[in-house]
């Protein structure tokens, strides 16, 4: 209730001087009268509470967006050209979409076919995958395996493993990972051996540090051109946002 009451009082738009709103400066009778008036107003116009909360949330969203623009600008090189994150879609595309992802995240799994649909419909998007395992040891093992696959076998194998891990049921233990690698005809021994290497660890560390600088606390998180998108977004909505970015940049 307290969270709603403060915005509601502001929304009343009282014309009285600021000091008149200082309840401590009022007598007990004046405070009771003021509170009664506020209560009566809110009872007669309860919608004002929700309008005030909505306005407050919109202002907070605008402030977050402005802060995100600055974060993206400051960290542009690490986001779009870190030298190791996998680049899919059209590497020469006119706009870049980045996803921070975790294989055990249900919303990342939900986002994967949406991203595939977007890239199929729009052949001019450069798509970067950033491994951000934040959901425990299973997430970390899956990311280690995916990164090791890319380092040993290359980008095509990485994309196959990426999609398979997103669809995997059960924990990505070593037996399942070995079976997946064998089924894809990969160098399983070399991949498993590389999973705990410094090369793999360094990529995960650098991406986590970048995520901290960008104040990313959940997955999926996207960066589209200069904007951060925190959470799942369907392909249709992403396509609209891409079109708006292109139109803006013309």
C-alpha atoms as a PDB file:
ATOM      1  CA  UNK A   1       0.000   0.000   0.000  1.00  0.00           C
ATOM      2  CA  UNK A   2       2.801   2.442   0.823  1.00  0.00           C
ATOM      3  CA  UNK A   3       4.277   1.964  -2.634  1.00  0.00           C
ATOM      4  CA  UNK A   4       0.985   2.998  -4.202  1.00  0.00           C
ATOM      5  CA  UNK A   5       0.075   5.779  -1.840  1.00  0.00           C
ATOM      6  CA  UNK A   6       3.105   7.997  -2.509  1.00  0.00           C
ATOM      7  CA  UNK A   7       2.595   8.237  -6.293  1.00  0.00           C
ATOM      8  CA  UNK A   8      -1.124   8.724  -5.736  1.00  0.00           C
ATOM      9  CA  UNK A   9      -0.552  11.766  -3.553  1.00  0.00           C
ATOM     10  CA  UNK A  10       1.692  13.281  -6.184  1.00  0.00           C
ATOM     11  CA  UNK A  11      -0.913  12.605  -8.847  1.00  0.00           C
ATOM     12  CA  UNK A  12      -3.521  14.654  -6.982  1.00  0.00           C
ATOM     13  CA  UNK A  13      -1.837  17.767  -8.294  1.00  0.00           C
ATOM     14  CA  UNK A  14      -2.598  19.872  -5.225  1.00  0.00           C
ATOM     15  CA  UNK A  15      -2.208  23.585  -5.787  1.00  0.00           C
ATOM     16  CA  UNK A  16      -1.337  24.365  -2.192  1.00  0.00           C
ATOM     17  CA  UNK A  17       2.191  25.554  -1.285  1.00  0.00           C
ATOM     18  CA  UNK A  18       4.756  22.815  -0.696  1.00  0.00           C
ATOM     19  CA  UNK A  19       4.938  23.471   3.029  1.00  0.00           C
ATOM     20  CA  UNK A  20       1.185  22.807   3.297  1.00  0.00           C
ATOM     21  CA  UNK A  21       1.936  19.142   2.545  1.00  0.00           C
ATOM     22  CA  UNK A  22       4.212  18.865   5.582  1.00  0.00           C
ATOM     23  CA  UNK A  23       2.018  16.845   7.926  1.00  0.00           C
ATOM     24  CA  UNK A  24       4.307  17.685  10.836  1.00  0.00           C
ATOM     25  CA  UNK A  25       3.475  21.365  10.400  1.00  0.00           C
ATOM     26  CA  UNK A  26      -0.259  20.688  10.662  1.00  0.00           C
ATOM     27  CA  UNK A  27      -2.353  20.397  13.732  1.00  0.00           C
ATOM     28  CA  UNK A  28      -3.881  17.039  14.537  1.00  0.00           C
ATOM     29  CA  UNK A  29      -7.240  18.239  13.203  1.00  0.00           C
ATOM     30  CA  UNK A  30      -5.659  19.526   9.963  1.00  0.00           C
ATOM     31  CA  UNK A  31      -3.841  16.234   9.421  1.00  0.00           C
ATOM     32  CA  UNK A  32      -7.048  14.272   9.951  1.00  0.00           C
ATOM     33  CA  UNK A  33      -8.899  16.521   7.522  1.00  0.00           C
ATOM     34  CA  UNK A  34      -6.173  16.272   4.920  1.00  0.00           C
ATOM     35  CA  UNK A  35      -6.051  12.501   5.173  1.00  0.00           C
ATOM     36  CA  UNK A  36      -9.809  12.298   4.895  1.00  0.00           C
ATOM     37  CA  UNK A  37      -9.761  14.434   1.746  1.00  0.00           C
ATOM     38  CA  UNK A  38      -7.072  12.267   0.186  1.00  0.00           C
ATOM     39  CA  UNK A  39      -8.963   9.111   1.096  1.00  0.00           C
ATOM     40  CA  UNK A  40     -12.224  10.451  -0.305  1.00  0.00           C
ATOM     41  CA  UNK A  41     -10.531  11.486  -3.524  1.00  0.00           C
ATOM     42  CA  UNK A  42      -8.929   8.082  -3.981  1.00  0.00           C
ATOM     43  CA  UNK A  43     -12.171   6.289  -3.200  1.00  0.00           C
ATOM     44  CA  UNK A  44     -13.959   8.389  -5.824  1.00  0.00           C
ATOM     45  CA  UNK A  45     -11.102   8.064  -8.367  1.00  0.00           C
ATOM     46  CA  UNK A  46      -9.277   4.768  -7.659  1.00  0.00           C
ATOM     47  CA  UNK A  47      -7.942   4.708 -11.214  1.00  0.00           C
ATOM     48  CA  UNK A  48      -5.574   7.544 -10.308  1.00  0.00           C
ATOM     49  CA  UNK A  49      -3.497   5.084  -8.256  1.00  0.00           C
ATOM     50  CA  UNK A  50      -2.818   2.869 -11.248  1.00  0.00           C
ATOM     51  CA  UNK A  51      -2.226   5.850 -13.524  1.00  0.00           C
ATOM     52  CA  UNK A  52       0.365   7.177 -11.094  1.00  0.00           C
ATOM     53  CA  UNK A  53       2.096   3.807 -10.785  1.00  0.00           C
ATOM     54  CA  UNK A  54       2.123   3.422 -14.568  1.00  0.00           C
ATOM     55  CA  UNK A  55       3.636   6.881 -15.003  1.00  0.00           C
ATOM     56  CA  UNK A  56       6.281   6.098 -12.402  1.00  0.00           C
ATOM     57  CA  UNK A  57       7.156   2.783 -14.087  1.00  0.00           C
ATOM     58  CA  UNK A  58       7.370   4.495 -17.490  1.00  0.00           C
ATOM     59  CA  UNK A  59       9.788   7.076 -16.081  1.00  0.00           C
ATOM     60  CA  UNK A  60      11.869   4.296 -14.524  1.00  0.00           C
ATOM     61  CA  UNK A  61      11.944   2.420 -17.846  1.00  0.00           C
ATOM     62  CA  UNK A  62      13.045   5.561 -19.674  1.00  0.00           C
ATOM     63  CA  UNK A  63      15.806   6.149 -17.135  1.00  0.00           C
ATOM     64  CA  UNK A  64      16.953   2.527 -17.471  1.00  0.00           C
ATOM     65  CA  UNK A  65      17.013   2.817 -21.262  1.00  0.00           C
ATOM     66  CA  UNK A  66      19.123   5.975 -21.101  1.00  0.00           C
ATOM     67  CA  UNK A  67      21.543   4.289 -18.711  1.00  0.00           C
ATOM     68  CA  UNK A  68      21.713   1.250 -21.004  1.00  0.00           C
ATOM     69  CA  UNK A  69      22.595   3.413 -24.010  1.00  0.00           C
ATOM     70  CA  UNK A  70      25.582   4.735 -22.084  1.00  0.00           C
ATOM     71  CA  UNK A  71      26.635   1.255 -20.947  1.00  0.00           C
ATOM     72  CA  UNK A  72      26.537  -0.066 -24.511  1.00  0.00           C
ATOM     73  CA  UNK A  73      28.505   2.893 -25.819  1.00  0.00           C
ATOM     74  CA  UNK A  74      31.256   2.561 -23.220  1.00  0.00           C
ATOM     75  CA  UNK A  75      31.586  -1.208 -23.772  1.00  0.00           C
ATOM     76  CA  UNK A  76      31.061  -1.238 -27.531  1.00  0.00           C
ATOM     77  CA  UNK A  77      34.276  -3.048 -28.487  1.00  0.00           C
ATOM     78  CA  UNK A  78      33.796  -5.831 -25.932  1.00  0.00           C
ATOM     79  CA  UNK A  79      30.178  -6.309 -26.999  1.00  0.00           C
ATOM     80  CA  UNK A  80      30.561  -6.346 -30.763  1.00  0.00           C
ATOM     81  CA  UNK A  81      34.171  -7.336 -31.384  1.00  0.00           C
ATOM     82  CA  UNK A  82      35.680  -9.314 -28.514  1.00  0.00           C
ATOM     83  CA  UNK A  83      37.604 -11.607 -30.862  1.00  0.00           C
ATOM     84  CA  UNK A  84      36.155 -14.904 -29.610  1.00  0.00           C
ATOM     85  CA  UNK A  85      32.335 -14.913 -29.389  1.00  0.00           C
ATOM     86  CA  UNK A  86      30.690 -16.852 -32.211  1.00  0.00           C
ATOM     87  CA  UNK A  87      29.277 -14.783 -35.068  1.00  0.00           C
ATOM     88  CA  UNK A  88      26.291 -16.303 -36.872  1.00  0.00           C
ATOM     89  CA  UNK A  89      23.753 -14.996 -39.351  1.00  0.00           C
ATOM     90  CA  UNK A  90      25.421 -12.676 -41.858  1.00  0.00           C
ATOM     91  CA  UNK A  91      28.893 -11.672 -40.592  1.00  0.00           C
ATOM     92  CA  UNK A  92      28.736  -8.674 -42.951  1.00  0.00           C
ATOM     93  CA  UNK A  93      25.204  -7.693 -41.934  1.00  0.00           C
ATOM     94  CA  UNK A  94      24.218  -4.064 -41.611  1.00  0.00           C
ATOM     95  CA  UNK A  95      22.984  -4.454 -38.026  1.00  0.00           C
ATOM     96  CA  UNK A  96      24.242  -6.551 -35.115  1.00  0.00           C
ATOM     97  CA  UNK A  97      22.190  -8.461 -32.561  1.00  0.00           C
ATOM     98  CA  UNK A  98      24.012  -9.895 -29.528  1.00  0.00           C
ATOM     99  CA  UNK A  99      22.581 -12.454 -27.125  1.00  0.00           C
ATOM    100  CA  UNK A 100      23.900 -13.282 -23.654  1.00  0.00           C
ATOM    101  CA  UNK A 101      22.623 -16.812 -23.109  1.00  0.00           C
ATOM    102  CA  UNK A 102      22.571 -19.760 -20.709  1.00  0.00           C
ATOM    103  CA  UNK A 103      21.767 -23.287 -21.918  1.00  0.00           C
ATOM    104  CA  UNK A 104      19.757 -24.125 -18.788  1.00  0.00           C
ATOM    105  CA  UNK A 105      17.626 -20.968 -19.000  1.00  0.00           C
ATOM    106  CA  UNK A 106      14.069 -21.799 -20.152  1.00  0.00           C
ATOM    107  CA  UNK A 107      13.616 -18.363 -21.727  1.00  0.00           C
ATOM    108  CA  UNK A 108      16.864 -18.772 -23.673  1.00  0.00           C
ATOM    109  CA  UNK A 109      15.519 -22.069 -24.958  1.00  0.00           C
ATOM    110  CA  UNK A 110      12.305 -20.333 -25.906  1.00  0.00           C
ATOM    111  CA  UNK A 111      14.263 -17.578 -27.653  1.00  0.00           C
ATOM    112  CA  UNK A 112      16.384 -19.922 -29.798  1.00  0.00           C
ATOM    113  CA  UNK A 113      13.728 -20.767 -32.435  1.00  0.00           C
ATOM    114  CA  UNK A 114      12.662 -17.118 -32.453  1.00  0.00           C
ATOM    115  CA  UNK A 115      16.199 -16.026 -33.290  1.00  0.00           C
ATOM    116  CA  UNK A 116      16.407 -18.727 -35.965  1.00  0.00           C
ATOM    117  CA  UNK A 117      13.178 -17.435 -37.475  1.00  0.00           C
ATOM    118  CA  UNK A 118      14.448 -13.852 -37.441  1.00  0.00           C
ATOM    119  CA  UNK A 119      17.728 -14.790 -39.147  1.00  0.00           C
ATOM    120  CA  UNK A 120      15.889 -16.815 -41.781  1.00  0.00           C
ATOM    121  CA  UNK A 121      13.577 -13.918 -42.562  1.00  0.00           C
ATOM    122  CA  UNK A 122      16.277 -11.255 -42.502  1.00  0.00           C
ATOM    123  CA  UNK A 123      19.552 -12.214 -44.156  1.00  0.00           C
ATOM    124  CA  UNK A 124      21.301  -8.999 -43.224  1.00  0.00           C
ATOM    125  CA  UNK A 125      21.659  -9.442 -39.448  1.00  0.00           C
ATOM    126  CA  UNK A 126      24.992 -10.173 -37.787  1.00  0.00           C
ATOM    127  CA  UNK A 127      24.221 -12.332 -34.739  1.00  0.00           C
ATOM    128  CA  UNK A 128      26.696 -12.796 -31.882  1.00  0.00           C
ATOM    129  CA  UNK A 129      26.314 -15.469 -29.179  1.00  0.00           C
ATOM    130  CA  UNK A 130      27.864 -14.749 -25.789  1.00  0.00           C
ATOM    131  CA  UNK A 131      28.119 -17.626 -23.334  1.00  0.00           C
ATOM    132  CA  UNK A 132      26.929 -16.466 -19.899  1.00  0.00           C
ATOM    133  CA  UNK A 133      26.439 -19.501 -17.610  1.00  0.00           C
ATOM    134  CA  UNK A 134      24.721 -18.164 -14.502  1.00  0.00           C
ATOM    135  CA  UNK A 135      22.456 -21.035 -13.446  1.00  0.00           C
ATOM    136  CA  UNK A 136      24.901 -23.293 -11.695  1.00  0.00           C
ATOM    137  CA  UNK A 137      27.368 -26.034 -12.517  1.00  0.00           C
ATOM    138  CA  UNK A 138      25.217 -27.603 -15.237  1.00  0.00           C
ATOM    139  CA  UNK A 139      25.135 -24.283 -17.096  1.00  0.00           C
ATOM    140  CA  UNK A 140      28.881 -23.909 -16.691  1.00  0.00           C
ATOM    141  CA  UNK A 141      29.563 -27.417 -18.016  1.00  0.00           C
ATOM    142  CA  UNK A 142      27.367 -26.824 -21.053  1.00  0.00           C
ATOM    143  CA  UNK A 143      29.097 -23.533 -21.862  1.00  0.00           C
ATOM    144  CA  UNK A 144      32.543 -25.059 -21.390  1.00  0.00           C
ATOM    145  CA  UNK A 145      31.605 -27.835 -23.809  1.00  0.00           C
ATOM    146  CA  UNK A 146      30.224 -25.398 -26.409  1.00  0.00           C
ATOM    147  CA  UNK A 147      33.254 -23.115 -26.230  1.00  0.00           C
ATOM    148  CA  UNK A 148      35.669 -26.056 -26.345  1.00  0.00           C
ATOM    149  CA  UNK A 149      33.830 -27.368 -29.409  1.00  0.00           C
ATOM    150  CA  UNK A 150      34.236 -24.049 -31.192  1.00  0.00           C
ATOM    151  CA  UNK A 151      37.915 -23.816 -30.308  1.00  0.00           C
ATOM    152  CA  UNK A 152      38.612 -27.399 -31.453  1.00  0.00           C
ATOM    153  CA  UNK A 153      36.185 -27.879 -34.342  1.00  0.00           C
ATOM    154  CA  UNK A 154      35.152 -24.409 -35.507  1.00  0.00           C
ATOM    155  CA  UNK A 155      31.987 -22.383 -35.927  1.00  0.00           C
ATOM    156  CA  UNK A 156      29.810 -24.872 -37.817  1.00  0.00           C
ATOM    157  CA  UNK A 157      30.300 -27.510 -35.135  1.00  0.00           C
ATOM    158  CA  UNK A 158      29.643 -24.904 -32.455  1.00  0.00           C
ATOM    159  CA  UNK A 159      26.268 -24.029 -33.978  1.00  0.00           C
ATOM    160  CA  UNK A 160      25.285 -27.694 -34.035  1.00  0.00           C
ATOM    161  CA  UNK A 161      26.308 -28.122 -30.404  1.00  0.00           C
ATOM    162  CA  UNK A 162      24.621 -24.860 -29.404  1.00  0.00           C
ATOM    163  CA  UNK A 163      21.275 -25.995 -30.813  1.00  0.00           C
ATOM    164  CA  UNK A 164      21.646 -29.477 -29.333  1.00  0.00           C
ATOM    165  CA  UNK A 165      22.415 -28.121 -25.853  1.00  0.00           C
ATOM    166  CA  UNK A 166      19.401 -25.825 -26.011  1.00  0.00           C
ATOM    167  CA  UNK A 167      17.217 -28.856 -26.738  1.00  0.00           C
ATOM    168  CA  UNK A 168      18.933 -31.288 -24.351  1.00  0.00           C
ATOM    169  CA  UNK A 169      16.794 -32.979 -21.714  1.00  0.00           C
ATOM    170  CA  UNK A 170      18.471 -33.790 -18.428  1.00  0.00           C
ATOM    171  CA  UNK A 171      21.767 -32.633 -17.013  1.00  0.00           C
ATOM    172  CA  UNK A 172      24.722 -32.113 -19.401  1.00  0.00           C
ATOM    173  CA  UNK A 173      26.950 -34.611 -17.628  1.00  0.00           C
ATOM    174  CA  UNK A 174      30.079 -35.979 -19.273  1.00  0.00           C
ATOM    175  CA  UNK A 175      28.317 -39.085 -20.580  1.00  0.00           C
ATOM    176  CA  UNK A 176      25.674 -37.031 -22.386  1.00  0.00           C
ATOM    177  CA  UNK A 177      28.232 -34.587 -23.721  1.00  0.00           C
ATOM    178  CA  UNK A 178      30.415 -37.394 -25.027  1.00  0.00           C
ATOM    179  CA  UNK A 179      27.415 -39.005 -26.687  1.00  0.00           C
ATOM    180  CA  UNK A 180      26.417 -35.707 -28.281  1.00  0.00           C
ATOM    181  CA  UNK A 181      29.929 -35.150 -29.598  1.00  0.00           C
ATOM    182  CA  UNK A 182      30.165 -38.696 -30.935  1.00  0.00           C
ATOM    183  CA  UNK A 183      26.779 -38.394 -32.649  1.00  0.00           C
ATOM    184  CA  UNK A 184      27.985 -35.258 -34.432  1.00  0.00           C
ATOM    185  CA  UNK A 185      31.213 -36.924 -35.480  1.00  0.00           C
ATOM    186  CA  UNK A 186      33.426 -34.526 -33.519  1.00  0.00           C
ATOM    187  CA  UNK A 187      36.793 -35.066 -31.846  1.00  0.00           C
ATOM    188  CA  UNK A 188      35.257 -35.935 -28.490  1.00  0.00           C
ATOM    189  CA  UNK A 189      38.496 -36.559 -26.615  1.00  0.00           C
ATOM    190  CA  UNK A 190      40.025 -33.242 -27.633  1.00  0.00           C
ATOM    191  CA  UNK A 191      36.853 -31.333 -26.763  1.00  0.00           C
ATOM    192  CA  UNK A 192      36.468 -32.924 -23.317  1.00  0.00           C
ATOM    193  CA  UNK A 193      40.131 -32.308 -22.558  1.00  0.00           C
ATOM    194  CA  UNK A 194      39.850 -28.659 -23.566  1.00  0.00           C
ATOM    195  CA  UNK A 195      36.801 -27.922 -21.431  1.00  0.00           C
ATOM    196  CA  UNK A 196      38.894 -27.042 -18.353  1.00  0.00           C
ATOM    197  CA  UNK A 197      41.614 -25.195 -20.238  1.00  0.00           C
ATOM    198  CA  UNK A 198      42.719 -21.624 -19.634  1.00  0.00           C
ATOM    199  CA  UNK A 199      41.513 -20.712 -23.126  1.00  0.00           C
ATOM    200  CA  UNK A 200      37.952 -21.722 -22.263  1.00  0.00           C
ATOM    201  CA  UNK A 201      38.096 -20.218 -18.756  1.00  0.00           C
ATOM    202  CA  UNK A 202      39.317 -16.881 -20.079  1.00  0.00           C
ATOM    203  CA  UNK A 203      36.365 -16.551 -22.458  1.00  0.00           C
ATOM    204  CA  UNK A 204      33.864 -17.233 -19.689  1.00  0.00           C
ATOM    205  CA  UNK A 205      35.602 -14.830 -17.312  1.00  0.00           C
ATOM    206  CA  UNK A 206      35.707 -12.027 -19.872  1.00  0.00           C
ATOM    207  CA  UNK A 207      32.045 -12.434 -20.763  1.00  0.00           C
ATOM    208  CA  UNK A 208      31.040 -12.468 -17.109  1.00  0.00           C
ATOM    209  CA  UNK A 209      33.044  -9.305 -16.489  1.00  0.00           C
ATOM    210  CA  UNK A 210      31.348  -7.658 -19.458  1.00  0.00           C
ATOM    211  CA  UNK A 211      27.936  -8.723 -18.163  1.00  0.00           C
ATOM    212  CA  UNK A 212      28.734  -7.170 -14.800  1.00  0.00           C
ATOM    213  CA  UNK A 213      29.701  -3.893 -16.447  1.00  0.00           C
ATOM    214  CA  UNK A 214      26.457  -3.956 -18.422  1.00  0.00           C
ATOM    215  CA  UNK A 215      24.503  -4.708 -15.228  1.00  0.00           C
ATOM    216  CA  UNK A 216      23.104  -7.901 -16.713  1.00  0.00           C
ATOM    217  CA  UNK A 217      21.485 -10.045 -14.040  1.00  0.00           C
ATOM    218  CA  UNK A 218      19.494 -12.498 -16.157  1.00  0.00           C
ATOM    219  CA  UNK A 219      19.304 -14.299 -19.469  1.00  0.00           C
ATOM    220  CA  UNK A 220      18.505 -13.899 -22.215  1.00  0.00           C
ATOM    221  CA  UNK A 221      19.738 -10.339 -22.544  1.00  0.00           C
ATOM    222  CA  UNK A 222      20.122  -8.845 -26.016  1.00  0.00           C
ATOM    223  CA  UNK A 223      21.997  -5.890 -27.403  1.00  0.00           C
ATOM    224  CA  UNK A 224      20.572  -4.559 -30.653  1.00  0.00           C
ATOM    225  CA  UNK A 225      22.781  -1.851 -32.159  1.00  0.00           C
ATOM    226  CA  UNK A 226      22.851   0.669 -29.277  1.00  0.00           C
ATOM    227  CA  UNK A 227      19.976  -0.716 -27.195  1.00  0.00           C
ATOM    228  CA  UNK A 228      19.764  -3.386 -24.506  1.00  0.00           C
ATOM    229  CA  UNK A 229      16.762  -5.708 -24.377  1.00  0.00           C
ATOM    230  CA  UNK A 230      16.452  -7.482 -21.055  1.00  0.00           C
ATOM    231  CA  UNK A 231      14.403 -10.646 -21.434  1.00  0.00           C
ATOM    232  CA  UNK A 232      12.647 -12.804 -24.013  1.00  0.00           C
ATOM    233  CA  UNK A 233      11.354 -11.102 -27.167  1.00  0.00           C
ATOM    234  CA  UNK A 234       9.516 -12.927 -30.000  1.00  0.00           C
ATOM    235  CA  UNK A 235      10.825 -12.799 -33.556  1.00  0.00           C
ATOM    236  CA  UNK A 236       8.075 -10.476 -34.772  1.00  0.00           C
ATOM    237  CA  UNK A 237       8.896  -7.859 -32.159  1.00  0.00           C
ATOM    238  CA  UNK A 238      12.617  -8.144 -32.814  1.00  0.00           C
ATOM    239  CA  UNK A 239      11.965  -7.670 -36.542  1.00  0.00           C
ATOM    240  CA  UNK A 240      10.079  -4.448 -35.839  1.00  0.00           C
ATOM    241  CA  UNK A 241      12.923  -3.174 -33.663  1.00  0.00           C
ATOM    242  CA  UNK A 242      15.484  -4.031 -36.333  1.00  0.00           C
ATOM    243  CA  UNK A 243      13.451  -2.147 -38.943  1.00  0.00           C
ATOM    244  CA  UNK A 244      13.215   0.883 -36.660  1.00  0.00           C
ATOM    245  CA  UNK A 245      16.984   0.888 -36.110  1.00  0.00           C
ATOM    246  CA  UNK A 246      17.623   0.709 -39.835  1.00  0.00           C
ATOM    247  CA  UNK A 247      15.179   3.510 -40.576  1.00  0.00           C
ATOM    248  CA  UNK A 248      16.743   5.664 -37.873  1.00  0.00           C
ATOM    249  CA  UNK A 249      20.253   5.144 -39.261  1.00  0.00           C
ATOM    250  CA  UNK A 250      19.378   5.996 -42.863  1.00  0.00           C
END
